N, C-alpha and C. Protein backbone atom coordinates (compact mmCIF):
# COMPACT_ATOMS: atom_id res chain seq x y z
N MET A 1 64.69 90.76 95.93
CA MET A 1 65.81 91.76 95.06
C MET A 1 66.42 90.70 94.38
N ALA A 2 66.42 90.73 93.12
CA ALA A 2 67.54 89.67 92.10
C ALA A 2 69.01 90.44 92.47
N ARG A 3 69.83 89.37 92.43
CA ARG A 3 71.48 90.03 92.92
C ARG A 3 72.15 89.26 91.72
N ILE A 4 72.65 90.05 90.65
CA ILE A 4 73.34 89.65 89.69
C ILE A 4 74.65 90.62 89.56
N ALA A 5 75.89 89.78 89.53
CA ALA A 5 77.26 90.34 89.28
C ALA A 5 77.68 91.30 90.74
N GLY A 6 76.98 90.91 91.97
CA GLY A 6 77.15 91.39 92.99
C GLY A 6 76.44 92.67 93.07
N VAL A 7 75.47 92.57 92.48
CA VAL A 7 74.61 94.38 92.62
C VAL A 7 73.21 93.73 92.66
N ASN A 8 72.59 94.42 93.68
CA ASN A 8 71.09 94.12 93.65
C ASN A 8 70.75 94.95 92.91
N ILE A 9 69.85 94.69 91.96
CA ILE A 9 68.84 95.08 90.78
C ILE A 9 67.53 95.41 91.54
N PRO A 10 66.76 96.80 91.12
CA PRO A 10 65.59 97.06 91.45
C PRO A 10 64.60 96.15 90.70
N THR A 11 63.79 95.51 91.99
CA THR A 11 62.60 94.50 91.29
C THR A 11 61.59 95.02 90.68
N ASN A 12 61.01 96.33 90.63
CA ASN A 12 59.94 96.81 90.23
C ASN A 12 60.11 97.54 88.63
N LYS A 13 61.46 97.43 88.27
CA LYS A 13 61.57 97.98 86.93
C LYS A 13 61.73 97.38 85.97
N ARG A 14 61.60 97.21 84.61
CA ARG A 14 61.78 96.58 83.56
C ARG A 14 63.13 95.81 83.53
N VAL A 15 63.26 94.68 83.12
CA VAL A 15 64.50 94.05 82.96
C VAL A 15 65.77 94.77 82.39
N THR A 16 64.98 95.27 81.17
CA THR A 16 66.51 96.17 80.29
C THR A 16 66.77 97.44 81.35
N ILE A 17 65.84 97.95 82.22
CA ILE A 17 66.45 99.25 82.77
C ILE A 17 67.40 98.54 84.19
N ALA A 18 66.86 97.45 84.64
CA ALA A 18 67.40 97.26 85.83
C ALA A 18 68.77 96.67 85.53
N LEU A 19 68.99 95.95 84.24
CA LEU A 19 70.61 95.79 84.30
C LEU A 19 71.29 96.59 84.23
N ARG A 20 70.92 97.97 83.65
CA ARG A 20 71.89 99.28 83.46
C ARG A 20 72.38 99.63 85.08
N TYR A 21 71.94 98.99 86.17
CA TYR A 21 72.97 99.35 87.55
C TYR A 21 73.61 98.96 87.42
N ILE A 22 74.13 97.43 86.88
CA ILE A 22 75.43 97.30 86.97
C ILE A 22 76.59 98.01 86.01
N HIS A 23 77.64 97.88 86.72
CA HIS A 23 78.69 98.69 85.88
C HIS A 23 79.21 98.06 84.55
N GLY A 24 79.00 98.76 83.85
CA GLY A 24 79.50 98.26 82.40
C GLY A 24 78.56 97.81 81.62
N ILE A 25 77.42 97.62 82.03
CA ILE A 25 76.24 97.42 81.13
C ILE A 25 75.33 98.54 80.72
N GLY A 26 75.01 99.16 79.44
CA GLY A 26 74.46 100.16 79.12
C GLY A 26 73.16 99.56 78.22
N PRO A 27 72.60 100.54 77.56
CA PRO A 27 71.31 100.02 77.02
C PRO A 27 71.34 99.30 76.06
N THR A 28 72.28 99.21 75.06
CA THR A 28 72.53 98.23 74.14
C THR A 28 73.02 96.80 74.63
N LYS A 29 73.82 96.70 75.45
CA LYS A 29 74.17 95.61 76.11
C LYS A 29 72.85 94.57 76.98
N ALA A 30 72.42 95.53 77.74
CA ALA A 30 71.37 95.27 78.27
C ALA A 30 69.83 94.34 77.78
N ALA A 31 69.99 95.18 76.08
CA ALA A 31 68.94 94.61 75.25
C ALA A 31 69.43 93.39 74.44
N GLU A 32 70.83 93.38 74.34
CA GLU A 32 71.54 92.18 73.75
C GLU A 32 71.08 90.96 74.91
N ILE A 33 71.61 91.17 76.20
CA ILE A 33 71.35 90.12 76.91
C ILE A 33 69.71 89.91 76.89
N CYS A 34 69.17 90.41 77.16
CA CYS A 34 67.65 90.01 76.96
C CYS A 34 67.32 89.35 75.79
N GLU A 35 67.68 89.85 74.89
CA GLU A 35 67.56 89.13 73.36
C GLU A 35 68.00 87.88 73.61
N LYS A 36 69.39 87.47 74.05
CA LYS A 36 69.86 86.25 74.04
C LYS A 36 69.26 84.95 75.07
N VAL A 37 68.89 85.58 76.15
CA VAL A 37 68.33 84.88 77.18
C VAL A 37 66.47 84.50 76.60
N GLY A 38 66.30 85.32 76.04
CA GLY A 38 64.64 84.95 75.55
C GLY A 38 63.94 85.97 76.55
N ILE A 39 64.27 87.10 77.17
CA ILE A 39 63.01 87.97 77.73
C ILE A 39 62.61 88.76 76.85
N ALA A 40 61.50 89.32 77.06
CA ALA A 40 60.62 90.06 76.28
C ALA A 40 60.88 91.53 77.15
N ASP A 41 60.65 92.95 76.45
CA ASP A 41 61.17 93.90 76.92
C ASP A 41 60.40 94.55 77.83
N SER A 42 58.98 94.13 77.84
CA SER A 42 58.07 94.48 78.70
C SER A 42 58.17 93.87 79.91
N ARG A 43 58.63 92.39 80.23
CA ARG A 43 58.87 91.83 81.50
C ARG A 43 59.61 92.57 82.78
N ARG A 44 59.12 92.64 84.04
CA ARG A 44 60.01 93.17 85.10
C ARG A 44 60.30 92.23 85.73
N VAL A 45 61.41 92.90 86.47
CA VAL A 45 62.29 91.62 87.33
C VAL A 45 61.43 90.87 88.27
N ASN A 46 60.42 91.34 88.81
CA ASN A 46 59.93 90.63 89.69
C ASN A 46 58.96 89.52 89.17
N GLU A 47 59.02 89.43 87.99
CA GLU A 47 58.00 88.43 87.16
C GLU A 47 58.86 87.21 86.80
N LEU A 48 60.58 87.64 86.82
CA LEU A 48 61.37 86.59 86.45
C LEU A 48 61.48 85.58 87.38
N SER A 49 61.54 84.33 86.51
CA SER A 49 61.83 83.17 87.86
C SER A 49 63.21 82.71 88.09
N ASP A 50 63.29 81.97 89.03
CA ASP A 50 64.90 81.97 89.51
C ASP A 50 65.83 81.53 88.33
N ALA A 51 65.18 80.55 87.49
CA ALA A 51 65.90 79.93 86.17
C ALA A 51 66.12 80.99 85.31
N GLU A 52 65.35 82.08 85.03
CA GLU A 52 65.79 82.96 84.15
C GLU A 52 66.82 83.96 84.83
N VAL A 53 66.63 84.29 86.19
CA VAL A 53 67.81 85.15 86.64
C VAL A 53 69.33 84.30 86.64
N LEU A 54 69.23 83.31 86.79
CA LEU A 54 70.40 82.36 86.76
C LEU A 54 70.87 82.07 85.08
N GLN A 55 69.92 82.42 84.17
CA GLN A 55 70.62 82.54 82.85
C GLN A 55 71.15 83.78 82.53
N ILE A 56 70.42 84.83 83.18
CA ILE A 56 71.07 86.16 82.95
C ILE A 56 72.35 86.33 83.40
N ARG A 57 72.58 85.98 84.34
CA ARG A 57 73.60 85.65 85.62
C ARG A 57 74.88 85.03 84.94
N GLU A 58 74.69 83.75 84.07
CA GLU A 58 75.49 83.05 83.67
C GLU A 58 76.10 83.56 82.33
N SER A 59 74.83 84.41 81.65
CA SER A 59 75.14 85.09 80.30
C SER A 59 76.16 86.05 80.45
N ILE A 60 75.79 87.00 81.55
CA ILE A 60 76.89 88.34 82.02
C ILE A 60 78.17 87.66 82.37
N ASP A 61 78.32 86.53 83.03
CA ASP A 61 79.78 85.95 83.29
C ASP A 61 80.44 85.35 82.36
N ALA A 62 79.62 84.89 81.29
CA ALA A 62 80.57 84.33 80.11
C ALA A 62 81.02 85.48 79.01
N ASP A 63 80.35 86.51 78.77
CA ASP A 63 80.43 87.15 77.67
C ASP A 63 80.82 88.94 78.16
N TYR A 64 80.87 89.19 79.22
CA TYR A 64 81.09 91.03 79.54
C TYR A 64 81.84 90.90 80.45
N MET A 65 82.53 92.00 80.77
CA MET A 65 83.49 91.95 81.78
C MET A 65 82.65 93.47 82.55
N VAL A 66 82.15 92.95 84.23
CA VAL A 66 81.42 94.30 84.47
C VAL A 66 82.09 94.65 85.90
N GLU A 67 81.58 95.10 86.94
CA GLU A 67 81.60 95.54 88.06
C GLU A 67 83.17 95.74 88.32
N GLY A 68 83.86 94.93 89.58
CA GLY A 68 85.13 95.25 90.01
C GLY A 68 86.13 94.65 88.70
N ASP A 69 86.08 93.51 88.04
CA ASP A 69 87.04 93.36 87.12
C ASP A 69 87.08 94.63 85.93
N LEU A 70 86.12 95.24 85.68
CA LEU A 70 86.04 96.12 84.68
C LEU A 70 86.39 97.73 85.30
N ARG A 71 86.14 97.76 86.53
CA ARG A 71 86.93 98.90 87.18
C ARG A 71 88.36 98.88 87.58
N ARG A 72 88.99 97.67 87.99
CA ARG A 72 90.26 97.43 87.83
C ARG A 72 90.87 97.40 86.59
N GLU A 73 90.36 96.98 85.87
CA GLU A 73 90.98 97.15 84.43
C GLU A 73 91.32 98.59 84.15
N VAL A 74 90.33 99.57 84.01
CA VAL A 74 90.33 101.05 83.78
C VAL A 74 91.21 101.78 84.84
N ALA A 75 91.36 101.25 86.22
CA ALA A 75 92.39 102.03 86.90
C ALA A 75 93.86 101.24 86.62
N VAL A 76 93.99 100.07 85.71
CA VAL A 76 95.51 99.71 85.44
C VAL A 76 95.66 100.54 84.39
N ASN A 77 94.60 100.53 83.33
CA ASN A 77 95.20 101.58 81.84
C ASN A 77 95.58 102.72 82.45
N ILE A 78 94.59 103.51 83.32
CA ILE A 78 95.13 104.90 83.63
C ILE A 78 96.25 104.81 84.34
N LYS A 79 96.92 103.99 85.69
CA LYS A 79 98.27 103.73 85.97
C LYS A 79 99.45 103.61 84.88
N ARG A 80 98.87 102.77 83.65
CA ARG A 80 99.87 102.44 82.95
C ARG A 80 100.25 103.97 82.30
N LEU A 81 99.12 104.74 81.81
CA LEU A 81 99.37 105.80 80.83
C LEU A 81 100.39 106.82 81.90
N MET A 82 100.08 106.79 83.17
CA MET A 82 100.62 107.94 84.17
C MET A 82 102.19 107.19 84.37
N ASP A 83 102.47 105.95 84.40
CA ASP A 83 103.96 105.48 84.55
C ASP A 83 104.49 105.88 83.11
N GLN A 84 103.89 105.50 82.25
CA GLN A 84 104.49 106.04 80.82
C GLN A 84 104.95 107.46 80.92
N ALA A 85 104.31 108.39 81.46
CA ALA A 85 104.48 109.84 81.30
C ALA A 85 103.97 110.65 79.90
N CYS A 86 103.38 109.45 79.64
CA CYS A 86 102.54 110.27 77.99
C CYS A 86 101.75 111.76 78.47
N TYR A 87 101.36 112.07 77.54
CA TYR A 87 100.31 113.68 77.75
C TYR A 87 99.47 113.00 78.62
N ARG A 88 98.53 112.13 78.16
CA ARG A 88 97.52 111.78 78.85
C ARG A 88 97.50 111.62 80.18
N GLY A 89 98.84 110.57 80.40
CA GLY A 89 99.18 110.06 82.02
C GLY A 89 99.64 111.76 82.63
N LEU A 90 100.05 112.36 81.95
CA LEU A 90 100.62 113.54 82.98
C LEU A 90 98.89 114.21 83.22
N ARG A 91 98.13 114.43 82.72
CA ARG A 91 97.04 115.02 82.60
C ARG A 91 96.23 114.24 83.90
N HIS A 92 96.40 112.77 83.47
CA HIS A 92 95.49 112.30 84.81
C HIS A 92 96.22 112.63 86.26
N ARG A 93 97.51 112.89 86.22
CA ARG A 93 98.24 112.67 87.37
C ARG A 93 97.90 114.16 87.97
N ARG A 94 97.54 115.27 86.95
CA ARG A 94 97.65 116.75 87.26
C ARG A 94 95.81 117.05 87.60
N GLY A 95 95.38 116.10 87.50
CA GLY A 95 93.90 116.27 87.72
C GLY A 95 93.23 117.07 86.44
N LEU A 96 93.81 117.06 85.30
CA LEU A 96 93.33 118.26 84.54
C LEU A 96 92.17 117.62 83.23
N PRO A 97 91.63 118.01 82.78
CA PRO A 97 91.20 117.28 81.51
C PRO A 97 91.98 116.58 80.53
N VAL A 98 91.50 115.43 80.12
CA VAL A 98 92.46 114.70 79.68
C VAL A 98 92.39 114.76 77.80
N ARG A 99 90.99 114.62 77.67
CA ARG A 99 90.66 114.80 76.32
C ARG A 99 90.54 115.97 75.57
N GLY A 100 91.43 116.76 75.65
CA GLY A 100 91.60 117.94 74.69
C GLY A 100 90.61 119.25 74.98
N GLN A 101 89.85 119.40 76.04
CA GLN A 101 89.03 120.40 76.31
C GLN A 101 89.85 121.46 76.98
N ARG A 102 89.02 122.69 76.69
CA ARG A 102 89.66 123.95 76.97
C ARG A 102 89.73 123.88 78.83
N THR A 103 90.74 124.48 79.27
CA THR A 103 91.02 124.82 80.57
C THR A 103 91.05 126.22 81.43
N HIS A 104 91.24 127.31 80.10
CA HIS A 104 91.15 128.40 80.79
C HIS A 104 90.15 129.11 81.30
N THR A 105 88.85 128.69 80.59
CA THR A 105 87.56 128.76 81.68
C THR A 105 86.85 127.59 81.62
N ASN A 106 85.96 127.46 82.65
CA ASN A 106 85.40 125.98 82.55
C ASN A 106 86.07 124.97 83.21
N ALA A 107 86.14 123.72 82.87
CA ALA A 107 86.73 122.54 83.57
C ALA A 107 87.05 122.47 84.75
N ARG A 108 85.85 122.98 85.64
CA ARG A 108 85.77 123.44 87.09
C ARG A 108 85.68 121.85 87.44
N THR A 109 84.67 120.96 87.16
CA THR A 109 84.79 119.57 87.68
C THR A 109 85.99 118.93 87.75
N ARG A 110 86.58 118.95 86.91
CA ARG A 110 88.19 118.35 87.00
C ARG A 110 89.12 118.92 87.82
N LYS A 111 89.15 120.43 87.96
CA LYS A 111 90.02 121.23 88.52
C LYS A 111 89.64 121.54 90.06
N GLY A 112 88.32 121.45 90.28
CA GLY A 112 87.88 121.57 91.43
C GLY A 112 87.71 123.10 91.86
N PRO A 113 86.99 123.65 92.87
CA PRO A 113 86.48 124.93 92.88
C PRO A 113 87.81 125.85 92.60
N ALA A 114 87.50 127.00 92.61
CA ALA A 114 88.42 128.00 91.72
C ALA A 114 88.78 128.50 93.28
N ARG A 115 90.22 128.82 93.24
CA ARG A 115 90.97 129.11 94.35
C ARG A 115 91.27 130.69 94.27
N PRO A 116 91.29 131.57 95.14
CA PRO A 116 91.40 132.75 94.79
C PRO A 116 93.06 133.38 94.98
N ILE A 117 93.63 134.18 93.91
CA ILE A 117 94.75 134.26 93.96
C ILE A 117 94.98 135.42 94.98
N ALA A 118 96.13 135.31 96.00
CA ALA A 118 96.21 136.13 96.87
C ALA A 118 96.86 137.70 96.23
N GLY A 119 96.37 138.77 96.69
CA GLY A 119 97.07 140.00 96.22
C GLY A 119 96.54 140.20 95.02
N LYS A 120 95.54 139.83 94.42
CA LYS A 120 94.99 140.48 93.09
C LYS A 120 93.85 141.09 93.67
N LYS A 121 93.65 142.23 93.17
CA LYS A 121 92.52 143.20 93.26
C LYS A 121 92.49 144.16 92.17
N LYS A 122 91.48 144.43 91.66
CA LYS A 122 91.42 145.52 90.71
C LYS A 122 90.19 146.47 91.21
């Protein structure tokens, strides 16, 4: 099992698919990395040599922010918004949708399960 950026990537999948297991790498970046290193799309992780895995690892370290660093930066950005007390920061603080979605109905993922209101019967 290859370990890249602190993540064990699956060995039996194609390289472009396996790289997506790393937080911060999606389809486009995975294809870019494979093209830069010179790995064909059809190759699988278990077919890679140690040198190729090392090239992938070095390419990711040099050009992309992934895993812990990326998570930390996103958390700092959210904390900055909350400290500024801007609208988006207040929405984060209250656990409500941030990007303008309706909350009268729906938004259950952000708001959590519905809580009954005491004494409301019809």
